[in-house]
Amino acid sequence: MNNTNDIQEELVTKVMEALDSIRPFLNKDGGDIELVNVEDKTVYVRLLGHCSSCGISSSTMKLGVESTIKQYAPEIDIVVNI
């Protein structure tokens, strides 16, 4: 029987897998990303390195990070860069 902690842990694992899949692309441009928190259906991440000050970081978040996370974890509604 799945309890809330198991479901949350499974969701965090999916999100981490998604981030690991896009990390090489961010690293190539001198950036990185870290998972800050997963709350309900919202993922909080922090862009690091060159990604944090890049002019197209909002596009990277929406088109790259958020879409990839939603592929791995469709139950996620929004991804927020903090």
PDB file of N, CA and C in Angstrom:
ATOM      1  N   MET A   1       0.837  -1.185   0.000  1.00  0.00           N
ATOM      2  CA  MET A   1       0.000   0.000   0.000  1.00  0.00           C
ATOM      3  C   MET A   1       0.880   1.246   0.000  1.00  0.00           C
ATOM      4  N   ASN A   2       0.635   2.151  -0.947  1.00  0.00           N
ATOM      5  CA  ASN A   2       1.407   3.386  -1.039  1.00  0.00           C
ATOM      6  C   ASN A   2       0.892   4.410  -0.060  1.00  0.00           C
ATOM      7  N   ASN A   3       1.780   4.936   0.745  1.00  0.00           N
ATOM      8  CA  ASN A   3       1.368   6.046   1.589  1.00  0.00           C
ATOM      9  C   ASN A   3       1.885   7.329   0.972  1.00  0.00           C
ATOM     10  N   THR A   4       1.563   8.453   1.582  1.00  0.00           N
ATOM     11  CA  THR A   4       1.921   9.756   1.040  1.00  0.00           C
ATOM     12  C   THR A   4       3.425   9.912   0.869  1.00  0.00           C
ATOM     13  N   ASN A   5       4.207   9.415   1.818  1.00  0.00           N
ATOM     14  CA  ASN A   5       5.667   9.519   1.722  1.00  0.00           C
ATOM     15  C   ASN A   5       6.210   8.746   0.529  1.00  0.00           C
ATOM     16  N   ASP A   6       5.654   7.558   0.266  1.00  0.00           N
ATOM     17  CA  ASP A   6       6.089   6.758  -0.873  1.00  0.00           C
ATOM     18  C   ASP A   6       5.787   7.480  -2.181  1.00  0.00           C
ATOM     19  N   ILE A   7       4.606   8.062  -2.272  1.00  0.00           N
ATOM     20  CA  ILE A   7       4.201   8.788  -3.475  1.00  0.00           C
ATOM     21  C   ILE A   7       5.102  10.005  -3.678  1.00  0.00           C
ATOM     22  N   GLN A   8       5.375  10.738  -2.606  1.00  0.00           N
ATOM     23  CA  GLN A   8       6.248  11.915  -2.686  1.00  0.00           C
ATOM     24  C   GLN A   8       7.662  11.495  -3.095  1.00  0.00           C
ATOM     25  N   GLU A   9       8.161  10.432  -2.513  1.00  0.00           N
ATOM     26  CA  GLU A   9       9.511   9.951  -2.832  1.00  0.00           C
ATOM     27  C   GLU A   9       9.606   9.536  -4.295  1.00  0.00           C
ATOM     28  N   GLU A  10       8.571   8.871  -4.786  1.00  0.00           N
ATOM     29  CA  GLU A  10       8.527   8.447  -6.177  1.00  0.00           C
ATOM     30  C   GLU A  10       8.510   9.663  -7.117  1.00  0.00           C
ATOM     31  N   LEU A  11       7.767  10.681  -6.746  1.00  0.00           N
ATOM     32  CA  LEU A  11       7.694  11.904  -7.544  1.00  0.00           C
ATOM     33  C   LEU A  11       9.049  12.613  -7.572  1.00  0.00           C
ATOM     34  N   VAL A  12       9.698  12.719  -6.435  1.00  0.00           N
ATOM     35  CA  VAL A  12      11.019  13.355  -6.362  1.00  0.00           C
ATOM     36  C   VAL A  12      12.017  12.573  -7.223  1.00  0.00           C
ATOM     37  N   THR A  13      11.940  11.258  -7.196  1.00  0.00           N
ATOM     38  CA  THR A  13      12.824  10.424  -8.009  1.00  0.00           C
ATOM     39  C   THR A  13      12.614  10.711  -9.494  1.00  0.00           C
ATOM     40  N   LYS A  14      11.361  10.816  -9.934  1.00  0.00           N
ATOM     41  CA  LYS A  14      11.064  11.121 -11.335  1.00  0.00           C
ATOM     42  C   LYS A  14      11.623  12.487 -11.721  1.00  0.00           C
ATOM     43  N   VAL A  15      11.453  13.467 -10.840  1.00  0.00           N
ATOM     44  CA  VAL A  15      11.945  14.817 -11.113  1.00  0.00           C
ATOM     45  C   VAL A  15      13.467  14.813 -11.206  1.00  0.00           C
ATOM     46  N   MET A  16      14.124  14.101 -10.301  1.00  0.00           N
ATOM     47  CA  MET A  16      15.588  14.010 -10.331  1.00  0.00           C
ATOM     48  C   MET A  16      16.068  13.352 -11.629  1.00  0.00           C
ATOM     49  N   GLU A  17      15.364  12.328 -12.084  1.00  0.00           N
ATOM     50  CA  GLU A  17      15.717  11.677 -13.348  1.00  0.00           C
ATOM     51  C   GLU A  17      15.584  12.661 -14.509  1.00  0.00           C
ATOM     52  N   ALA A  18      14.538  13.466 -14.484  1.00  0.00           N
ATOM     53  CA  ALA A  18      14.334  14.476 -15.529  1.00  0.00           C
ATOM     54  C   ALA A  18      15.471  15.488 -15.517  1.00  0.00           C
ATOM     55  N   LEU A  19      15.837  15.969 -14.325  1.00  0.00           N
ATOM     56  CA  LEU A  19      16.919  16.943 -14.220  1.00  0.00           C
ATOM     57  C   LEU A  19      18.241  16.338 -14.677  1.00  0.00           C
ATOM     58  N   ASP A  20      18.476  15.076 -14.321  1.00  0.00           N
ATOM     59  CA  ASP A  20      19.706  14.403 -14.750  1.00  0.00           C
ATOM     60  C   ASP A  20      19.771  14.289 -16.278  1.00  0.00           C
ATOM     61  N   SER A  21      18.607  14.157 -16.915  1.00  0.00           N
ATOM     62  CA  SER A  21      18.591  14.010 -18.374  1.00  0.00           C
ATOM     63  C   SER A  21      18.911  15.325 -19.089  1.00  0.00           C
ATOM     64  N   ILE A  22      18.610  16.460 -18.468  1.00  0.00           N
ATOM     65  CA  ILE A  22      18.888  17.746 -19.119  1.00  0.00           C
ATOM     66  C   ILE A  22      20.164  18.414 -18.606  1.00  0.00           C
ATOM     67  N   ARG A  23      20.686  17.924 -17.514  1.00  0.00           N
ATOM     68  CA  ARG A  23      21.891  18.522 -16.924  1.00  0.00           C
ATOM     69  C   ARG A  23      23.061  18.626 -17.912  1.00  0.00           C
ATOM     70  N   PRO A  24      23.346  17.600 -18.737  1.00  0.00           N
ATOM     71  CA  PRO A  24      24.475  17.725 -19.673  1.00  0.00           C
ATOM     72  C   PRO A  24      24.354  18.922 -20.614  1.00  0.00           C
ATOM     73  N   PHE A  25      23.135  19.244 -21.023  1.00  0.00           N
ATOM     74  CA  PHE A  25      22.931  20.386 -21.921  1.00  0.00           C
ATOM     75  C   PHE A  25      23.215  21.701 -21.193  1.00  0.00           C
ATOM     76  N   LEU A  26      22.802  21.775 -19.945  1.00  0.00           N
ATOM     77  CA  LEU A  26      23.068  22.971 -19.146  1.00  0.00           C
ATOM     78  C   LEU A  26      24.562  23.083 -18.840  1.00  0.00           C
ATOM     79  N   ASN A  27      25.192  21.965 -18.503  1.00  0.00           N
ATOM     80  CA  ASN A  27      26.629  21.947 -18.203  1.00  0.00           C
ATOM     81  C   ASN A  27      27.448  22.406 -19.408  1.00  0.00           C
ATOM     82  N   LYS A  28      27.008  22.017 -20.597  1.00  0.00           N
ATOM     83  CA  LYS A  28      27.721  22.372 -21.826  1.00  0.00           C
ATOM     84  C   LYS A  28      27.817  23.893 -21.986  1.00  0.00           C
ATOM     85  N   ASP A  29      26.808  24.609 -21.490  1.00  0.00           N
ATOM     86  CA  ASP A  29      26.785  26.071 -21.576  1.00  0.00           C
ATOM     87  C   ASP A  29      27.276  26.731 -20.290  1.00  0.00           C
ATOM     88  N   GLY A  30      27.910  25.947 -19.412  1.00  0.00           N
ATOM     89  CA  GLY A  30      28.464  26.508 -18.184  1.00  0.00           C
ATOM     90  C   GLY A  30      27.463  26.687 -17.067  1.00  0.00           C
ATOM     91  N   GLY A  31      26.345  25.980 -17.147  1.00  0.00           N
ATOM     92  CA  GLY A  31      25.312  26.104 -16.116  1.00  0.00           C
ATOM     93  C   GLY A  31      25.001  24.780 -15.464  1.00  0.00           C
ATOM     94  N   ASP A  32      24.047  24.820 -14.583  1.00  0.00           N
ATOM     95  CA  ASP A  32      23.578  23.614 -13.907  1.00  0.00           C
ATOM     96  C   ASP A  32      22.214  23.927 -13.306  1.00  0.00           C
ATOM     97  N   ILE A  33      21.625  22.931 -12.680  1.00  0.00           N
ATOM     98  CA  ILE A  33      20.319  23.099 -12.059  1.00  0.00           C
ATOM     99  C   ILE A  33      20.273  22.240 -10.808  1.00  0.00           C
ATOM    100  N   GLU A  34      19.598  22.731  -9.780  1.00  0.00           N
ATOM    101  CA  GLU A  34      19.422  21.922  -8.579  1.00  0.00           C
ATOM    102  C   GLU A  34      17.953  21.906  -8.197  1.00  0.00           C
ATOM    103  N   LEU A  35      17.530  20.786  -7.656  1.00  0.00           N
ATOM    104  CA  LEU A  35      16.175  20.641  -7.157  1.00  0.00           C
ATOM    105  C   LEU A  35      16.124  21.232  -5.756  1.00  0.00           C
ATOM    106  N   VAL A  36      15.224  22.182  -5.548  1.00  0.00           N
ATOM    107  CA  VAL A  36      15.073  22.800  -4.242  1.00  0.00           C
ATOM    108  C   VAL A  36      13.983  22.089  -3.447  1.00  0.00           C
ATOM    109  N   ASN A  37      12.829  21.852  -4.093  1.00  0.00           N
ATOM    110  CA  ASN A  37      11.720  21.232  -3.375  1.00  0.00           C
ATOM    111  C   ASN A  37      10.660  20.764  -4.370  1.00  0.00           C
ATOM    112  N   VAL A  38       9.870  19.795  -3.939  1.00  0.00           N
ATOM    113  CA  VAL A  38       8.671  19.378  -4.660  1.00  0.00           C
ATOM    114  C   VAL A  38       7.542  19.465  -3.660  1.00  0.00           C
ATOM    115  N   GLU A  39       6.585  20.347  -3.931  1.00  0.00           N
ATOM    116  CA  GLU A  39       5.437  20.555  -3.050  1.00  0.00           C
ATOM    117  C   GLU A  39       4.171  20.385  -3.852  1.00  0.00           C
ATOM    118  N   ASP A  40       3.318  19.485  -3.425  1.00  0.00           N
ATOM    119  CA  ASP A  40       2.087  19.183  -4.160  1.00  0.00           C
ATOM    120  C   ASP A  40       2.442  18.890  -5.607  1.00  0.00           C
ATOM    121  N   LYS A  41       1.971  19.723  -6.533  1.00  0.00           N
ATOM    122  CA  LYS A  41       2.244  19.496  -7.960  1.00  0.00           C
ATOM    123  C   LYS A  41       3.159  20.571  -8.524  1.00  0.00           C
ATOM    124  N   THR A  42       3.972  21.178  -7.650  1.00  0.00           N
ATOM    125  CA  THR A  42       4.898  22.228  -8.050  1.00  0.00           C
ATOM    126  C   THR A  42       6.328  21.811  -7.738  1.00  0.00           C
ATOM    127  N   VAL A  43       7.211  22.033  -8.703  1.00  0.00           N
ATOM    128  CA  VAL A  43       8.627  21.747  -8.532  1.00  0.00           C
ATOM    129  C   VAL A  43       9.361  23.084  -8.444  1.00  0.00           C
ATOM    130  N   TYR A  44      10.220  23.211  -7.440  1.00  0.00           N
ATOM    131  CA  TYR A  44      11.047  24.402  -7.273  1.00  0.00           C
ATOM    132  C   TYR A  44      12.486  24.027  -7.585  1.00  0.00           C
ATOM    133  N   VAL A  45      13.076  24.746  -8.543  1.00  0.00           N
ATOM    134  CA  VAL A  45      14.455  24.496  -8.934  1.00  0.00           C
ATOM    135  C   VAL A  45      15.237  25.801  -8.882  1.00  0.00           C
ATOM    136  N   ARG A  46      16.547  25.673  -8.946  1.00  0.00           N
ATOM    137  CA  ARG A  46      17.414  26.849  -9.004  1.00  0.00           C
ATOM    138  C   ARG A  46      18.411  26.642 -10.143  1.00  0.00           C
ATOM    139  N   LEU A  47      18.400  27.564 -11.100  1.00  0.00           N
ATOM    140  CA  LEU A  47      19.395  27.542 -12.162  1.00  0.00           C
ATOM    141  C   LEU A  47      20.699  28.078 -11.593  1.00  0.00           C
ATOM    142  N   LEU A  48      21.815  27.437 -11.949  1.00  0.00           N
ATOM    143  CA  LEU A  48      23.121  27.791 -11.404  1.00  0.00           C
ATOM    144  C   LEU A  48      24.101  28.142 -12.525  1.00  0.00           C
ATOM    145  N   GLY A  49      25.204  28.773 -12.156  1.00  0.00           N
ATOM    146  CA  GLY A  49      26.255  29.100 -13.120  1.00  0.00           C
ATOM    147  C   GLY A  49      25.754  30.084 -14.157  1.00  0.00           C
ATOM    148  N   HIS A  50      26.178  29.888 -15.388  1.00  0.00           N
ATOM    149  CA  HIS A  50      25.778  30.799 -16.462  1.00  0.00           C
ATOM    150  C   HIS A  50      24.274  30.807 -16.680  1.00  0.00           C
ATOM    151  N   CYS A  51      23.606  29.720 -16.352  1.00  0.00           N
ATOM    152  CA  CYS A  51      22.154  29.645 -16.554  1.00  0.00           C
ATOM    153  C   CYS A  51      21.395  30.647 -15.678  1.00  0.00           C
ATOM    154  N   SER A  52      21.971  30.981 -14.530  1.00  0.00           N
ATOM    155  CA  SER A  52      21.254  31.878 -13.611  1.00  0.00           C
ATOM    156  C   SER A  52      21.164  33.303 -14.149  1.00  0.00           C
ATOM    157  N   SER A  53      22.101  33.698 -15.015  1.00  0.00           N
ATOM    158  CA  SER A  53      22.088  35.070 -15.518  1.00  0.00           C
ATOM    159  C   SER A  53      21.868  35.148 -17.030  1.00  0.00           C
ATOM    160  N   CYS A  54      21.607  34.016 -17.635  1.00  0.00           N
ATOM    161  CA  CYS A  54      21.428  33.969 -19.082  1.00  0.00           C
ATOM    162  C   CYS A  54      20.157  34.688 -19.493  1.00  0.00           C
ATOM    163  N   GLY A  55      20.233  35.407 -20.606  1.00  0.00           N
ATOM    164  CA  GLY A  55      19.085  36.151 -21.104  1.00  0.00           C
ATOM    165  C   GLY A  55      17.931  35.277 -21.557  1.00  0.00           C
ATOM    166  N   ILE A  56      18.216  34.037 -21.914  1.00  0.00           N
ATOM    167  CA  ILE A  56      17.132  33.159 -22.358  1.00  0.00           C
ATOM    168  C   ILE A  56      16.772  32.110 -21.304  1.00  0.00           C
ATOM    169  N   SER A  57      17.120  32.385 -20.048  1.00  0.00           N
ATOM    170  CA  SER A  57      16.854  31.398 -18.997  1.00  0.00           C
ATOM    171  C   SER A  57      15.366  31.116 -18.839  1.00  0.00           C
ATOM    172  N   SER A  58      14.506  32.108 -19.121  1.00  0.00           N
ATOM    173  CA  SER A  58      13.066  31.840 -19.007  1.00  0.00           C
ATOM    174  C   SER A  58      12.625  30.854 -20.084  1.00  0.00           C
ATOM    175  N   SER A  59      13.199  30.947 -21.268  1.00  0.00           N
ATOM    176  CA  SER A  59      12.897  29.968 -22.321  1.00  0.00           C
ATOM    177  C   SER A  59      13.439  28.596 -21.943  1.00  0.00           C
ATOM    178  N   THR A  60      14.640  28.588 -21.382  1.00  0.00           N
ATOM    179  CA  THR A  60      15.232  27.325 -20.932  1.00  0.00           C
ATOM    180  C   THR A  60      14.323  26.664 -19.903  1.00  0.00           C
ATOM    181  N   MET A  61      13.799  27.467 -18.976  1.00  0.00           N
ATOM    182  CA  MET A  61      12.917  26.925 -17.939  1.00  0.00           C
ATOM    183  C   MET A  61      11.660  26.339 -18.549  1.00  0.00           C
ATOM    184  N   LYS A  62      10.984  27.088 -19.414  1.00  0.00           N
ATOM    185  CA  LYS A  62       9.691  26.668 -19.944  1.00  0.00           C
ATOM    186  C   LYS A  62       9.848  25.532 -20.955  1.00  0.00           C
ATOM    187  N   LEU A  63      10.708  25.747 -21.942  1.00  0.00           N
ATOM    188  CA  LEU A  63      10.807  24.800 -23.051  1.00  0.00           C
ATOM    189  C   LEU A  63      11.669  23.598 -22.727  1.00  0.00           C
ATOM    190  N   GLY A  64      12.685  23.787 -21.907  1.00  0.00           N
ATOM    191  CA  GLY A  64      13.590  22.687 -21.599  1.00  0.00           C
ATOM    192  C   GLY A  64      13.258  21.991 -20.303  1.00  0.00           C
ATOM    193  N   VAL A  65      13.383  22.735 -19.211  1.00  0.00           N
ATOM    194  CA  VAL A  65      13.252  22.138 -17.883  1.00  0.00           C
ATOM    195  C   VAL A  65      11.821  21.690 -17.601  1.00  0.00           C
ATOM    196  N   GLU A  66      10.864  22.601 -17.731  1.00  0.00           N
ATOM    197  CA  GLU A  66       9.479  22.260 -17.385  1.00  0.00           C
ATOM    198  C   GLU A  66       8.931  21.159 -18.281  1.00  0.00           C
ATOM    199  N   SER A  67       9.176  21.247 -19.581  1.00  0.00           N
ATOM    200  CA  SER A  67       8.633  20.215 -20.469  1.00  0.00           C
ATOM    201  C   SER A  67       9.259  18.850 -20.188  1.00  0.00           C
ATOM    202  N   THR A  68      10.553  18.825 -19.873  1.00  0.00           N
ATOM    203  CA  THR A  68      11.212  17.549 -19.561  1.00  0.00           C
ATOM    204  C   THR A  68      10.680  16.967 -18.263  1.00  0.00           C
ATOM    205  N   ILE A  69      10.538  17.803 -17.246  1.00  0.00           N
ATOM    206  CA  ILE A  69       9.997  17.312 -15.966  1.00  0.00           C
ATOM    207  C   ILE A  69       8.600  16.754 -16.168  1.00  0.00           C
ATOM    208  N   LYS A  70       7.780  17.432 -16.958  1.00  0.00           N
ATOM    209  CA  LYS A  70       6.405  16.959 -17.192  1.00  0.00           C
ATOM    210  C   LYS A  70       6.373  15.661 -17.990  1.00  0.00           C
ATOM    211  N   GLN A  71       7.391  15.424 -18.814  1.00  0.00           N
ATOM    212  CA  GLN A  71       7.469  14.141 -19.525  1.00  0.00           C
ATOM    213  C   GLN A  71       7.741  13.009 -18.533  1.00  0.00           C
ATOM    214  N   TYR A  72       8.628  13.252 -17.593  1.00  0.00           N
ATOM    215  CA  TYR A  72       8.983  12.238 -16.596  1.00  0.00           C
ATOM    216  C   TYR A  72       7.913  12.113 -15.508  1.00  0.00           C
ATOM    217  N   ALA A  73       7.295  13.241 -15.158  1.00  0.00           N
ATOM    218  CA  ALA A  73       6.315  13.273 -14.071  1.00  0.00           C
ATOM    219  C   ALA A  73       5.110  14.102 -14.513  1.00  0.00           C
ATOM    220  N   PRO A  74       4.193  13.501 -15.269  1.00  0.00           N
ATOM    221  CA  PRO A  74       3.047  14.238 -15.814  1.00  0.00           C
ATOM    222  C   PRO A  74       2.145  14.866 -14.748  1.00  0.00           C
ATOM    223  N   GLU A  75       2.256  14.389 -13.522  1.00  0.00           N
ATOM    224  CA  GLU A  75       1.418  14.939 -12.458  1.00  0.00           C
ATOM    225  C   GLU A  75       1.863  16.331 -12.005  1.00  0.00           C
ATOM    226  N   ILE A  76       3.029  16.773 -12.457  1.00  0.00           N
ATOM    227  CA  ILE A  76       3.528  18.109 -12.108  1.00  0.00           C
ATOM    228  C   ILE A  76       2.788  19.154 -12.938  1.00  0.00           C
ATOM    229  N   ASP A  77       2.333  20.222 -12.269  1.00  0.00           N
ATOM    230  CA  ASP A  77       1.622  21.295 -12.961  1.00  0.00           C
ATOM    231  C   ASP A  77       2.533  22.447 -13.345  1.00  0.00           C
ATOM    232  N   ILE A  78       3.491  22.781 -12.486  1.00  0.00           N
ATOM    233  CA  ILE A  78       4.311  23.967 -12.725  1.00  0.00           C
ATOM    234  C   ILE A  78       5.712  23.756 -12.178  1.00  0.00           C
ATOM    235  N   VAL A  79       6.664  24.395 -12.849  1.00  0.00           N
ATOM    236  CA  VAL A  79       8.058  24.375 -12.401  1.00  0.00           C
ATOM    237  C   VAL A  79       8.474  25.832 -12.194  1.00  0.00           C
ATOM    238  N   VAL A  80       9.005  26.131 -11.006  1.00  0.00           N
ATOM    239  CA  VAL A  80       9.349  27.497 -10.632  1.00  0.00           C
ATOM    240  C   VAL A  80      10.851  27.587 -10.394  1.00  0.00           C
ATOM    241  N   ASN A  81      11.474  28.574 -11.017  1.00  0.00           N
ATOM    242  CA  ASN A  81      12.890  28.852 -10.785  1.00  0.00           C
ATOM    243  C   ASN A  81      12.976  29.882  -9.655  1.00  0.00           C
ATOM    244  N   ILE A  82      13.662  29.533  -8.574  1.00  0.00           N
ATOM    245  CA  ILE A  82      13.759  30.482  -7.455  1.00  0.00           C
ATOM    246  C   ILE A  82      15.177  30.971  -7.276  1.00  0.00           C
TER     247      ILE A  82
END
